[in-house]
Protein backbone atom coordinates (compact mmCIF):
# COMPACT_ATOMS: atom_id res chain seq x y z
CA UNK A 1 -66.65 -34.00 -24.06
CA UNK A 2 -67.30 -36.87 -22.35
CA UNK A 3 -65.15 -37.80 -19.72
CA UNK A 4 -64.71 -41.06 -17.70
CA UNK A 5 -62.86 -41.67 -15.17
CA UNK A 6 -61.39 -44.39 -13.27
CA UNK A 7 -59.02 -44.91 -9.87
CA UNK A 8 -57.15 -48.46 -10.93
CA UNK A 9 -54.97 -48.02 -7.45
CA UNK A 10 -53.86 -44.96 -4.96
CA UNK A 11 -51.94 -43.00 -7.64
CA UNK A 12 -52.60 -45.21 -11.44
CA UNK A 13 -55.54 -43.44 -13.38
CA UNK A 14 -57.53 -44.14 -16.58
CA UNK A 15 -59.11 -41.68 -18.53
CA UNK A 16 -61.64 -42.25 -21.25
CA UNK A 17 -62.32 -39.01 -23.69
CA UNK A 18 -65.15 -39.07 -26.17
CA UNK A 19 -65.05 -35.80 -28.19
CA UNK A 20 -68.21 -34.99 -30.49
CA UNK A 21 -67.46 -34.39 -33.79
CA UNK A 22 -69.10 -31.09 -33.65
CA UNK A 23 -66.81 -30.30 -30.95
CA UNK A 24 -64.12 -30.76 -33.26
CA UNK A 25 -64.73 -30.81 -36.91
CA UNK A 26 -63.44 -26.71 -37.26
CA UNK A 27 -59.55 -27.81 -36.04
CA UNK A 28 -59.79 -31.00 -38.18
CA UNK A 29 -61.02 -29.05 -41.29
CA UNK A 30 -57.93 -26.57 -40.53
CA UNK A 31 -55.47 -29.37 -40.86
CA UNK A 32 -57.23 -30.92 -44.03
CA UNK A 33 -57.13 -27.32 -45.47
CA UNK A 34 -53.61 -27.18 -44.57
CA UNK A 35 -52.20 -30.07 -46.43
CA UNK A 36 -54.59 -29.76 -49.33
CA UNK A 37 -52.74 -25.95 -49.59
CA UNK A 38 -49.33 -27.05 -49.58
CA UNK A 39 -50.20 -30.76 -51.64
CA UNK A 40 -48.96 -31.34 -54.97
CA UNK A 41 -48.55 -33.84 -57.66
CA UNK A 42 -47.72 -33.69 -61.38
CA UNK A 43 -50.60 -32.31 -63.52
CA UNK A 44 -51.59 -29.89 -61.02
CA UNK A 45 -49.94 -26.69 -59.29
CA UNK A 46 -49.58 -26.91 -55.59
CA UNK A 47 -52.90 -26.03 -53.36
CA UNK A 48 -55.38 -26.83 -56.75
CA UNK A 49 -55.49 -30.79 -56.29
CA UNK A 50 -58.76 -31.73 -56.50
CA UNK A 51 -60.20 -32.94 -52.94
CA UNK A 52 -61.05 -36.11 -54.42
CA UNK A 53 -57.69 -37.61 -55.35
CA UNK A 54 -56.54 -35.58 -52.08
CA UNK A 55 -59.01 -37.76 -49.71
CA UNK A 56 -58.35 -40.98 -51.85
CA UNK A 57 -54.03 -40.57 -51.31
CA UNK A 58 -53.79 -38.71 -47.96
CA UNK A 59 -57.15 -39.21 -46.02
CA UNK A 60 -55.81 -41.81 -43.64
CA UNK A 61 -52.77 -39.70 -42.80
CA UNK A 62 -54.70 -36.43 -42.36
CA UNK A 63 -56.97 -38.61 -39.64
CA UNK A 64 -53.63 -39.63 -37.93
CA UNK A 65 -51.74 -36.48 -38.15
CA UNK A 66 -55.14 -35.04 -36.80
CA UNK A 67 -54.65 -37.46 -33.95
CA UNK A 68 -51.32 -36.64 -33.10
CA UNK A 69 -51.81 -32.72 -33.32
CA UNK A 70 -54.73 -32.65 -31.19
CA UNK A 71 -55.02 -35.94 -28.44
CA UNK A 72 -53.00 -34.09 -26.29
CA UNK A 73 -54.94 -30.51 -26.90
CA UNK A 74 -58.17 -32.56 -25.30
CA UNK A 75 -56.23 -34.81 -23.34
CA UNK A 76 -55.11 -31.12 -21.60
CA UNK A 77 -58.64 -29.68 -21.48
CA UNK A 78 -60.31 -33.38 -20.10
CA UNK A 79 -57.54 -32.74 -16.62
CA UNK A 80 -58.09 -29.39 -16.25
CA UNK A 81 -62.02 -29.76 -16.45
CA UNK A 82 -61.12 -32.62 -13.45
CA UNK A 83 -58.15 -30.63 -11.96
CA UNK A 84 -56.06 -33.58 -11.64
CA UNK A 85 -52.38 -33.44 -12.35
CA UNK A 86 -50.43 -35.87 -13.59
CA UNK A 87 -47.16 -36.98 -12.49
CA UNK A 88 -45.98 -39.04 -15.13
CA UNK A 89 -46.14 -38.66 -19.21
CA UNK A 90 -49.91 -40.38 -20.22
CA UNK A 91 -50.16 -43.59 -22.00
CA UNK A 92 -52.21 -43.47 -24.95
CA UNK A 93 -54.23 -46.57 -25.85
CA UNK A 94 -57.16 -47.58 -27.86
CA UNK A 95 -57.15 -44.24 -29.85
CA UNK A 96 -60.76 -44.31 -32.30
CA UNK A 97 -61.37 -40.95 -35.02
CA UNK A 98 -62.33 -41.42 -38.37
CA UNK A 99 -63.29 -37.89 -40.80
CA UNK A 100 -67.11 -37.19 -39.92
CA UNK A 101 -67.01 -39.14 -36.35
CA UNK A 102 -66.10 -38.77 -32.22
CA UNK A 103 -62.83 -38.59 -31.28
CA UNK A 104 -62.52 -41.21 -28.73
CA UNK A 105 -59.37 -42.36 -26.93
CA UNK A 106 -58.06 -43.98 -23.52
CA UNK A 107 -55.34 -42.79 -21.50
CA UNK A 108 -53.47 -44.06 -18.41
CA UNK A 109 -51.25 -41.74 -16.08
CA UNK A 110 -50.53 -41.51 -12.48
CA UNK A 111 -51.31 -38.77 -10.23
CA UNK A 112 -50.13 -37.81 -6.45
CA UNK A 113 -52.00 -40.50 -4.28
CA UNK A 114 -54.22 -38.63 -1.50
CA UNK A 115 -52.18 -39.20 2.25
CA UNK A 116 -53.67 -39.16 5.68
CA UNK A 117 -51.25 -37.83 7.64
CA UNK A 118 -51.13 -40.11 11.38
CA UNK A 119 -52.49 -38.48 14.60
CA UNK A 120 -48.47 -37.52 15.23
CA UNK A 121 -49.06 -34.53 17.71
CA UNK A 122 -49.34 -37.02 20.77
CA UNK A 123 -45.75 -36.98 22.45
CA UNK A 124 -45.11 -40.53 20.84
CA UNK A 125 -41.73 -41.51 22.72
CA UNK A 126 -38.51 -42.79 20.35
CA UNK A 127 -35.79 -44.82 21.82
CA UNK A 128 -32.15 -43.73 20.22
CA UNK A 129 -28.82 -44.84 21.35
CA UNK A 130 -25.89 -41.76 22.46
CA UNK A 131 -22.27 -42.36 22.55
CA UNK A 132 -20.28 -41.10 25.35
CA UNK A 133 -16.90 -40.17 24.30
CA UNK A 134 -13.98 -42.29 26.28
CA UNK A 135 -10.10 -41.52 26.25
CA UNK A 136 -9.80 -43.74 22.87
CA UNK A 137 -12.07 -41.35 20.90
CA UNK A 138 -9.68 -38.47 22.37
CA UNK A 139 -6.06 -41.02 21.48
CA UNK A 140 -7.56 -41.71 17.59
CA UNK A 141 -8.22 -37.46 17.51
CA UNK A 142 -4.74 -36.77 18.95
CA UNK A 143 -3.55 -39.09 16.30
CA UNK A 144 -5.65 -37.93 13.55
CA UNK A 145 -3.56 -34.00 14.80
CA UNK A 146 -0.48 -35.60 14.94
CA UNK A 147 -0.35 -37.56 11.49
CA UNK A 148 -1.53 -34.06 9.79
CA UNK A 149 2.12 -32.57 11.24
CA UNK A 150 4.19 -35.44 11.18
CA UNK A 151 6.98 -35.87 8.89
CA UNK A 152 8.07 -38.16 6.45
CA UNK A 153 11.15 -40.35 6.58
CA UNK A 154 12.88 -43.03 3.75
CA UNK A 155 13.22 -46.04 4.97
CA UNK A 156 16.31 -48.16 3.06
CA UNK A 157 15.79 -51.46 5.00
CA UNK A 158 12.39 -53.62 5.32
CA UNK A 159 8.50 -52.88 5.68
CA UNK A 160 6.91 -52.61 8.63
CA UNK A 161 3.25 -52.59 9.99
CA UNK A 162 2.64 -48.87 9.23
CA UNK A 163 5.28 -47.78 6.91
CA UNK A 164 3.92 -46.27 3.96
CA UNK A 165 5.08 -47.32 0.49
CA UNK A 166 4.77 -45.78 -3.30
CA UNK A 167 4.37 -48.89 -5.30
CA UNK A 168 3.02 -49.89 -9.09
CA UNK A 169 -0.09 -52.02 -8.60
CA UNK A 170 -1.17 -53.81 -12.06
CA UNK A 171 -3.90 -56.38 -12.39
CA UNK A 172 -2.91 -59.62 -13.71
CA UNK A 173 -4.97 -62.71 -15.31
CA UNK A 174 -5.93 -66.29 -13.81
CA UNK A 175 -2.37 -67.14 -16.29
CA UNK A 176 -0.77 -64.62 -13.69
CA UNK A 177 0.19 -62.41 -16.89
CA UNK A 178 -0.09 -58.34 -16.55
CA UNK A 179 -3.17 -57.05 -18.31
CA UNK A 180 -2.27 -54.30 -20.19
CA UNK A 181 -3.43 -50.92 -19.43
CA UNK A 182 -4.33 -51.74 -15.73
CA UNK A 183 -1.01 -50.65 -14.55
CA UNK A 184 -1.34 -47.63 -11.23
CA UNK A 185 1.80 -45.94 -11.30
CA UNK A 186 3.70 -45.06 -8.16
CA UNK A 187 0.03 -45.81 -5.21
CA UNK A 188 0.37 -44.52 -2.39
CA UNK A 189 -0.35 -46.75 0.54
CA UNK A 190 -0.53 -47.67 4.18
CA UNK A 191 0.50 -50.74 5.13
CA UNK A 192 -1.78 -52.11 8.03
CA UNK A 193 -4.87 -50.11 6.88
CA UNK A 194 -7.93 -50.74 4.94
CA UNK A 195 -7.30 -53.00 1.87
CA UNK A 196 -3.43 -53.51 2.95
CA UNK A 197 -4.38 -54.81 6.36
CA UNK A 198 -5.17 -58.09 8.00
CA UNK A 199 -3.44 -61.12 5.34
CA UNK A 200 -2.51 -58.85 2.79
CA UNK A 201 -0.54 -56.36 4.88
CA UNK A 202 1.28 -59.38 6.38
CA UNK A 203 2.66 -60.08 2.73
CA UNK A 204 4.27 -56.75 2.82
CA UNK A 205 5.90 -57.15 6.32
CA UNK A 206 9.47 -57.58 5.95
CA UNK A 207 9.67 -56.43 2.07
CA UNK A 208 12.52 -54.31 0.43
CA UNK A 209 12.19 -51.66 -2.97
CA UNK A 210 12.17 -53.53 -5.55
CA UNK A 211 10.80 -56.17 -4.24
CA UNK A 212 7.16 -57.31 -5.82
CA UNK A 213 4.18 -59.05 -4.02
CA UNK A 214 0.95 -61.20 -5.43
CA UNK A 215 -2.16 -60.25 -3.94
CA UNK A 216 -5.61 -60.68 -4.38
CA UNK A 217 -8.11 -57.85 -3.58
CA UNK A 218 -12.06 -58.67 -3.06
CA UNK A 219 -14.16 -56.50 -5.41
CA UNK A 220 -18.08 -56.18 -6.14
CA UNK A 221 -17.02 -58.95 -9.15
CA UNK A 222 -14.76 -61.15 -7.15
CA UNK A 223 -11.17 -60.84 -6.38
CA UNK A 224 -8.52 -59.29 -8.43
CA UNK A 225 -4.71 -60.61 -8.55
CA UNK A 226 -2.69 -57.70 -8.31
CA UNK A 227 1.36 -57.79 -9.03
CA UNK A 228 2.50 -55.37 -6.92
CA UNK A 229 5.75 -53.71 -7.12
CA UNK A 230 7.29 -51.87 -4.02
CA UNK A 231 9.17 -48.42 -5.13
CA UNK A 232 9.38 -46.34 -2.07
CA UNK A 233 9.29 -46.82 1.64
CA UNK A 234 8.79 -44.22 4.31
CA UNK A 235 7.82 -43.62 8.07
CA UNK A 236 6.21 -41.43 9.72
CA UNK A 237 8.01 -39.20 12.73
CA UNK A 238 5.08 -37.47 14.81
CA UNK A 239 5.69 -34.78 16.88
CA UNK A 240 5.46 -35.09 20.76
CA UNK A 241 2.54 -34.54 21.98
CA UNK A 242 2.73 -31.68 24.60
CA UNK A 243 2.26 -27.59 25.77
CA UNK A 244 4.44 -26.94 21.91
CA UNK A 245 2.43 -29.20 20.11
CA UNK A 246 -0.67 -27.87 21.00
CA UNK A 247 0.22 -23.97 20.21
CA UNK A 248 1.04 -25.40 16.56
CA UNK A 249 -2.91 -26.26 16.44
CA UNK A 250 -5.29 -23.96 15.18
CA UNK A 251 -7.43 -22.64 17.52
CA UNK A 252 -4.43 -20.73 20.03
CA UNK A 253 -4.32 -23.30 22.64
CA UNK A 254 -1.52 -22.66 25.17
CA UNK A 255 -1.61 -26.14 26.77
CA UNK A 256 -2.12 -29.98 25.66
CA UNK A 257 -4.92 -29.96 28.37
CA UNK A 258 -6.70 -27.60 26.42
CA UNK A 259 -6.25 -28.73 23.48
CA UNK A 260 -7.31 -32.20 24.78
CA UNK A 261 -10.45 -30.69 26.34
CA UNK A 262 -11.66 -28.74 23.04
CA UNK A 263 -11.21 -31.73 20.98
CA UNK A 264 -13.24 -34.07 23.46
CA UNK A 265 -15.97 -31.72 23.27
CA UNK A 266 -15.97 -31.76 19.58
CA UNK A 267 -15.81 -35.74 19.42
CA UNK A 268 -19.07 -35.38 22.01
CA UNK A 269 -20.78 -32.96 19.75
CA UNK A 270 -20.28 -34.74 16.82
CA UNK A 271 -21.96 -38.08 18.67
CA UNK A 272 -24.40 -35.71 19.88
CA UNK A 273 -24.77 -35.04 16.12
CA UNK A 274 -25.44 -38.95 15.27
CA UNK A 275 -28.41 -38.92 17.95
CA UNK A 276 -29.79 -36.26 16.85
CA UNK A 277 -29.28 -37.77 12.98
CA UNK A 278 -31.03 -40.90 14.58
CA UNK A 279 -33.57 -39.38 16.11
CA UNK A 280 -34.93 -37.45 13.00
CA UNK A 281 -34.30 -40.95 11.21
CA UNK A 282 -37.38 -42.59 13.70
CA UNK A 283 -39.18 -39.80 13.04
CA UNK A 284 -39.26 -40.27 9.39
CA UNK A 285 -39.78 -44.16 10.08
CA UNK A 286 -42.84 -43.23 12.42
CA UNK A 287 -44.61 -41.86 9.34
CA UNK A 288 -43.92 -44.14 6.66
CA UNK A 289 -44.90 -47.18 9.03
CA UNK A 290 -48.20 -45.26 10.06
CA UNK A 291 -49.03 -43.93 6.65
CA UNK A 292 -50.08 -46.48 4.34
CA UNK A 293 -50.80 -45.52 0.04
CA UNK A 294 -49.40 -47.43 -2.96
CA UNK A 295 -46.21 -45.71 -3.97
CA UNK A 296 -46.61 -44.39 -7.35
CA UNK A 297 -44.52 -46.53 -9.73
CA UNK A 298 -43.13 -43.46 -12.24
CA UNK A 299 -41.55 -41.64 -8.88
CA UNK A 300 -40.27 -44.82 -7.69
CA UNK A 301 -38.27 -45.61 -10.94
CA UNK A 302 -37.42 -42.36 -11.39
CA UNK A 303 -35.58 -42.09 -8.40
CA UNK A 304 -34.04 -45.41 -8.51
CA UNK A 305 -32.46 -43.78 -12.01
CA UNK A 306 -31.21 -41.33 -9.87
CA UNK A 307 -29.48 -43.56 -7.43
CA UNK A 308 -28.09 -45.27 -10.38
CA UNK A 309 -25.97 -42.63 -11.27
CA UNK A 310 -24.56 -41.54 -8.26
CA UNK A 311 -23.62 -45.11 -7.67
CA UNK A 312 -21.82 -44.80 -10.86
CA UNK A 313 -19.98 -41.88 -10.47
CA UNK A 314 -18.70 -42.86 -7.26
CA UNK A 315 -17.60 -46.25 -8.42
CA UNK A 316 -16.10 -44.74 -11.60
CA UNK A 317 -14.15 -42.27 -9.24
CA UNK A 318 -13.03 -45.81 -7.53
CA UNK A 319 -11.94 -46.92 -11.07
CA UNK A 320 -14.50 -49.72 -10.44
CA UNK A 321 -17.36 -51.02 -12.61
CA UNK A 322 -20.85 -50.83 -10.60
CA UNK A 323 -23.40 -53.63 -11.26
CA UNK A 324 -26.87 -52.91 -10.59
CA UNK A 325 -28.39 -55.99 -10.60
CA UNK A 326 -26.46 -57.11 -7.56
CA UNK A 327 -28.29 -54.28 -5.33
CA UNK A 328 -31.44 -54.39 -7.39
CA UNK A 329 -33.80 -55.38 -4.34
CA UNK A 330 -31.51 -52.40 -2.38
CA UNK A 331 -32.49 -49.98 -4.87
CA UNK A 332 -36.29 -50.88 -5.36
CA UNK A 333 -36.69 -50.51 -1.26
CA UNK A 334 -34.54 -47.18 -0.81
CA UNK A 335 -36.08 -45.25 -3.59
CA UNK A 336 -39.67 -46.56 -2.50
CA UNK A 337 -38.62 -45.34 0.69
CA UNK A 338 -37.40 -42.08 0.21
CA UNK A 339 -40.52 -41.27 -2.34
CA UNK A 340 -42.88 -42.12 0.72
CA UNK A 341 -41.12 -39.53 2.41
CA UNK A 342 -40.87 -37.03 0.01
CA UNK A 343 -45.01 -37.23 -0.45
CA UNK A 344 -45.17 -37.58 3.49
CA UNK A 345 -42.73 -34.46 4.04
CA UNK A 346 -44.92 -32.02 1.28
CA UNK A 347 -47.89 -32.28 3.87
CA UNK A 348 -46.18 -32.10 6.76
CA UNK A 349 -44.59 -28.68 5.34
CA UNK A 350 -48.27 -27.81 4.47
CA UNK A 351 -49.50 -28.92 7.85
CA UNK A 352 -46.72 -27.25 9.74
CA UNK A 353 -46.96 -23.88 7.77
CA UNK A 354 -42.83 -24.03 6.98
CA UNK A 355 -41.78 -21.46 5.04
CA UNK A 356 -38.46 -20.61 4.00
CA UNK A 357 -37.81 -17.56 2.23
CA UNK A 358 -35.35 -15.49 -0.32
CA UNK A 359 -34.57 -13.16 2.20
CA UNK A 360 -33.90 -16.50 4.83
CA UNK A 361 -31.24 -17.81 2.32
CA UNK A 362 -29.71 -14.09 1.66
CA UNK A 363 -29.58 -13.96 5.50
CA UNK A 364 -28.19 -17.18 5.59
CA UNK A 365 -25.32 -16.72 2.81
CA UNK A 366 -24.37 -13.26 5.09
CA UNK A 367 -23.76 -14.95 7.81
CA UNK A 368 -21.07 -17.40 6.63
CA UNK A 369 -19.62 -14.93 4.48
CA UNK A 370 -19.69 -12.66 7.90
CA UNK A 371 -18.52 -15.89 9.90
CA UNK A 372 -15.24 -17.01 7.23
CA UNK A 373 -14.35 -13.45 5.67
CA UNK A 374 -11.49 -14.65 4.17
CA UNK A 375 -13.76 -17.48 1.64
CA UNK A 376 -16.20 -14.62 0.89
CA UNK A 377 -15.67 -14.54 -2.72
CA UNK A 378 -15.85 -18.67 -2.75
CA UNK A 379 -19.17 -18.39 -0.63
CA UNK A 380 -20.76 -16.00 -2.78
CA UNK A 381 -19.22 -17.37 -5.70
CA UNK A 382 -20.67 -21.29 -4.73
CA UNK A 383 -24.37 -19.68 -3.85
CA UNK A 384 -24.73 -18.03 -7.56
CA UNK A 385 -25.40 -21.89 -8.32
CA UNK A 386 -28.70 -21.84 -8.67
CA UNK A 387 -28.27 -25.92 -7.89
CA UNK A 388 -26.43 -25.20 -4.66
CA UNK A 389 -29.10 -22.50 -4.21
CA UNK A 390 -31.89 -24.57 -4.52
CA UNK A 391 -30.02 -27.08 -1.85
CA UNK A 392 -29.80 -24.76 0.76
CA UNK A 393 -33.38 -24.01 0.13
CA UNK A 394 -34.10 -27.72 0.99
CA UNK A 395 -31.83 -28.29 3.87
CA UNK A 396 -33.26 -25.46 5.67
CA UNK A 397 -36.55 -26.37 5.15
CA UNK A 398 -35.79 -29.49 6.81
CA UNK A 399 -34.20 -27.63 9.32
CA UNK A 400 -37.53 -25.74 9.96
CA UNK A 401 -39.44 -28.92 9.60
CA UNK A 402 -37.31 -31.26 11.95
CA UNK A 403 -37.43 -28.44 14.35
CA UNK A 404 -41.48 -28.55 14.36
CA UNK A 405 -41.62 -32.27 14.61
CA UNK A 406 -39.25 -32.75 17.62
CA UNK A 407 -41.67 -30.81 19.78
CA UNK A 408 -44.26 -33.77 18.99
CA UNK A 409 -41.62 -36.76 19.59
CA UNK A 410 -39.61 -37.36 22.79
CA UNK A 411 -36.64 -38.38 22.45
CA UNK A 412 -35.34 -41.25 25.11
CA UNK A 413 -32.11 -41.51 24.85
CA UNK A 414 -30.12 -44.42 26.23
CA UNK A 415 -26.24 -43.59 26.74
CA UNK A 416 -23.42 -46.16 26.44
CA UNK A 417 -19.64 -45.28 26.04
CA UNK A 418 -17.59 -45.48 22.50
CA UNK A 419 -15.14 -48.67 24.32
CA UNK A 420 -18.71 -50.38 23.83
CA UNK A 421 -19.24 -49.75 20.19
CA UNK A 422 -15.55 -49.88 19.60
CA UNK A 423 -16.03 -53.67 20.91
CA UNK A 424 -19.29 -54.50 19.14
CA UNK A 425 -17.27 -53.46 15.84
CA UNK A 426 -14.35 -56.23 16.48
CA UNK A 427 -16.85 -58.78 17.49
């Protein structure tokens, strides 16, 4: 068997295979005799039709069937001989075969590109931003807690900013007619937050039960008009912040000061984690920027298809259509960057000898059950799912990899208050 391999780029390969007749005639005649034993026409019993008639009637189809059955056989043999592992299904072209002749064909396929890692063990400096928690963060966190313990009170009067309402939402067409089947019954929303803030929220101020408000809400495909009928108005009665309130919060707090200190620590811990996440993302950017190679198109397309399916699920949960054409460039760019990192990560794991064993995974699961014995059954059941266990394996591998990489990079942190972050968001 003669093999002619050509590299089109880092990942694309063209392989021409020529198999001499002497090497394949035994396989060919097995196929021929198999057809012959099953062939039947009027005047002849099954398997007794003369060979010259079979050749006249079936030779082309026998040759075609042989090609279908054996091209992949010789393709696999060629890959084994060249020690190549394709990452996509090969595209067969230019097939040439007739009885008593060689089988010749060309196949185009992709392989993982050869990647050379940069010299990264040199204490590279990476600049990151870390925010320091302030009084406004504590205030927001306390408000969240108060809201969880708040009591609702029905309002008989007019809607004010911050009130909650139950309302029927109907989509209307350009003529102002309600679109059949579009009703959201008794939808719960807060005036002054999210979609119902700003100018839209102002339209509800001063309205009462049974009033109808017409609004236009921006969505992916443009503004959508709604007719909103108010069914019920409620206000929240927040508990007072004091030592008694602190004692009702999970965590065994004796005083309000204890609760405040605990919340500050948790807020800062989350901000520290955000900084660590930024540090890791910039390490990824470093490797992608320093490691140049052509990215396999099949891997990009596969990841892009995965992203689209994830977006469709998310938009479906929000009762909205997803138009992939609007973010086509973003999808391609994200997919390419992700695939680049997947391939680089694979090499780094090998280079750093990162391993997560079965015992590591079982130990982690046991620790989680010990930490939350009340959820032991749920945790055990969750990790009986192979997909969840695989995700845990990947997460643990990533954690070990980042811990190893952190020793080669210097996180140069610039600290700022969260109040500055708030001002930037408002601006």
